[in-house]
Amino acid sequence: MFERLIEIIGNYVEIEPGNIKPESRFMEDLGFTSFDFMSMLGELEDEWDVEIDQQEAADIRTVQEALDYLGKLTA
């Protein structure tokens, strides 16, 4: 799941995949805009066939938090 998430993140920001770590913060470290983040969430919904709650998505700050949340939805 982590590798696929890294690929998806790469669609939105110009960062080498090796530089994306679980602790990387979407806005501060990876340079996401709010629009980028919301677009990525839509892509994650399609990729894993899940529905992401917008209130809960607002609490996702890091790549690891996104992985944890996706893991909970797909369990």
C-alpha atoms as a PDB file:
ATOM      1  CA  MET A   1       0.000   0.000   0.000  1.00  0.00           C
ATOM      2  CA  PHE A   2       2.860   2.383   0.854  1.00  0.00           C
ATOM      3  CA  GLU A   3       4.474   1.990  -2.564  1.00  0.00           C
ATOM      4  CA  ARG A   4       1.198   2.672  -4.389  1.00  0.00           C
ATOM      5  CA  LEU A   5       0.530   5.703  -2.195  1.00  0.00           C
ATOM      6  CA  ILE A   6       3.999   7.040  -3.071  1.00  0.00           C
ATOM      7  CA  GLU A   7       3.188   6.649  -6.781  1.00  0.00           C
ATOM      8  CA  ILE A   8      -0.066   8.560  -6.328  1.00  0.00           C
ATOM      9  CA  ILE A   9       1.661  11.322  -4.345  1.00  0.00           C
ATOM     10  CA  GLY A  10       4.113  11.627  -7.244  1.00  0.00           C
ATOM     11  CA  ASN A  11       1.197  12.596  -9.501  1.00  0.00           C
ATOM     12  CA  TYR A  12       0.766  15.788  -7.483  1.00  0.00           C
ATOM     13  CA  VAL A  13       4.232  16.935  -6.432  1.00  0.00           C
ATOM     14  CA  GLU A  14       7.700  16.896  -7.961  1.00  0.00           C
ATOM     15  CA  ILE A  15       9.476  14.893  -5.274  1.00  0.00           C
ATOM     16  CA  GLU A  16      11.668  11.852  -5.731  1.00  0.00           C
ATOM     17  CA  PRO A  17       9.854   8.751  -4.409  1.00  0.00           C
ATOM     18  CA  GLY A  18      12.828   7.950  -2.179  1.00  0.00           C
ATOM     19  CA  ASN A  19      12.375  11.284  -0.421  1.00  0.00           C
ATOM     20  CA  ILE A  20       8.788  10.526   0.605  1.00  0.00           C
ATOM     21  CA  LYS A  21       8.821   9.039   4.094  1.00  0.00           C
ATOM     22  CA  PRO A  22       6.007   7.886   6.384  1.00  0.00           C
ATOM     23  CA  GLU A  23       6.596  10.966   8.553  1.00  0.00           C
ATOM     24  CA  SER A  24       6.473  13.367   5.572  1.00  0.00           C
ATOM     25  CA  ARG A  25       3.780  16.002   6.019  1.00  0.00           C
ATOM     26  CA  PHE A  26       1.673  16.628   2.943  1.00  0.00           C
ATOM     27  CA  MET A  27       1.572  20.429   3.125  1.00  0.00           C
ATOM     28  CA  GLU A  28       4.806  21.356   4.897  1.00  0.00           C
ATOM     29  CA  ASP A  29       7.223  18.731   3.561  1.00  0.00           C
ATOM     30  CA  LEU A  30       5.750  17.636   0.231  1.00  0.00           C
ATOM     31  CA  GLY A  31       4.350  20.986  -0.923  1.00  0.00           C
ATOM     32  CA  PHE A  32       0.732  19.938  -1.383  1.00  0.00           C
ATOM     33  CA  THR A  33      -1.913  22.614  -1.776  1.00  0.00           C
ATOM     34  CA  SER A  34      -5.372  22.052  -0.322  1.00  0.00           C
ATOM     35  CA  PHE A  35      -6.638  21.394  -3.837  1.00  0.00           C
ATOM     36  CA  ASP A  36      -3.854  18.845  -4.480  1.00  0.00           C
ATOM     37  CA  PHE A  37      -4.692  17.075  -1.239  1.00  0.00           C
ATOM     38  CA  MET A  38      -8.411  16.874  -1.954  1.00  0.00           C
ATOM     39  CA  SER A  39      -7.726  15.664  -5.499  1.00  0.00           C
ATOM     40  CA  MET A  40      -5.398  12.994  -4.160  1.00  0.00           C
ATOM     41  CA  LEU A  41      -8.060  11.844  -1.691  1.00  0.00           C
ATOM     42  CA  GLY A  42     -10.439  11.348  -4.609  1.00  0.00           C
ATOM     43  CA  GLU A  43      -7.833   9.261  -6.375  1.00  0.00           C
ATOM     44  CA  LEU A  44      -7.288   7.184  -3.214  1.00  0.00           C
ATOM     45  CA  GLU A  45     -11.025   6.539  -3.011  1.00  0.00           C
ATOM     46  CA  ASP A  46     -10.994   5.250  -6.584  1.00  0.00           C
ATOM     47  CA  GLU A  47      -7.821   3.212  -6.122  1.00  0.00           C
ATOM     48  CA  TRP A  48      -8.961   1.358  -3.006  1.00  0.00           C
ATOM     49  CA  ASP A  49     -12.732   1.587  -3.558  1.00  0.00           C
ATOM     50  CA  VAL A  50     -13.345   3.323  -0.238  1.00  0.00           C
ATOM     51  CA  GLU A  51     -15.150   6.450   0.887  1.00  0.00           C
ATOM     52  CA  ILE A  52     -13.054   8.968   2.774  1.00  0.00           C
ATOM     53  CA  ASP A  53     -14.894  11.010   5.393  1.00  0.00           C
ATOM     54  CA  GLN A  54     -14.087  14.691   4.854  1.00  0.00           C
ATOM     55  CA  GLN A  55     -14.046  15.427   8.598  1.00  0.00           C
ATOM     56  CA  GLU A  56     -11.567  12.616   9.233  1.00  0.00           C
ATOM     57  CA  ALA A  57      -9.521  13.563   6.162  1.00  0.00           C
ATOM     58  CA  ALA A  58      -8.972  17.001   7.679  1.00  0.00           C
ATOM     59  CA  ASP A  59      -6.939  15.308  10.434  1.00  0.00           C
ATOM     60  CA  ILE A  60      -4.574  13.559   8.009  1.00  0.00           C
ATOM     61  CA  ARG A  61      -1.269  15.408   8.068  1.00  0.00           C
ATOM     62  CA  THR A  62       1.380  12.790   7.241  1.00  0.00           C
ATOM     63  CA  VAL A  63       1.859   9.942   4.801  1.00  0.00           C
ATOM     64  CA  GLN A  64       1.707   7.487   7.725  1.00  0.00           C
ATOM     65  CA  GLU A  65      -1.609   8.929   8.908  1.00  0.00           C
ATOM     66  CA  ALA A  66      -2.979   8.468   5.377  1.00  0.00           C
ATOM     67  CA  LEU A  67      -1.735   4.857   5.363  1.00  0.00           C
ATOM     68  CA  ASP A  68      -3.256   4.184   8.772  1.00  0.00           C
ATOM     69  CA  TYR A  69      -6.577   5.655   7.686  1.00  0.00           C
ATOM     70  CA  LEU A  70      -6.619   3.684   4.425  1.00  0.00           C
ATOM     71  CA  GLY A  71      -5.712   0.538   6.340  1.00  0.00           C
ATOM     72  CA  LYS A  72      -8.685   1.076   8.626  1.00  0.00           C
ATOM     73  CA  LEU A  73     -11.026   1.578   5.650  1.00  0.00           C
ATOM     74  CA  THR A  74      -9.805  -1.484   3.777  1.00  0.00           C
ATOM     75  CA  ALA A  75      -9.635  -3.856   6.777  1.00  0.00           C
END
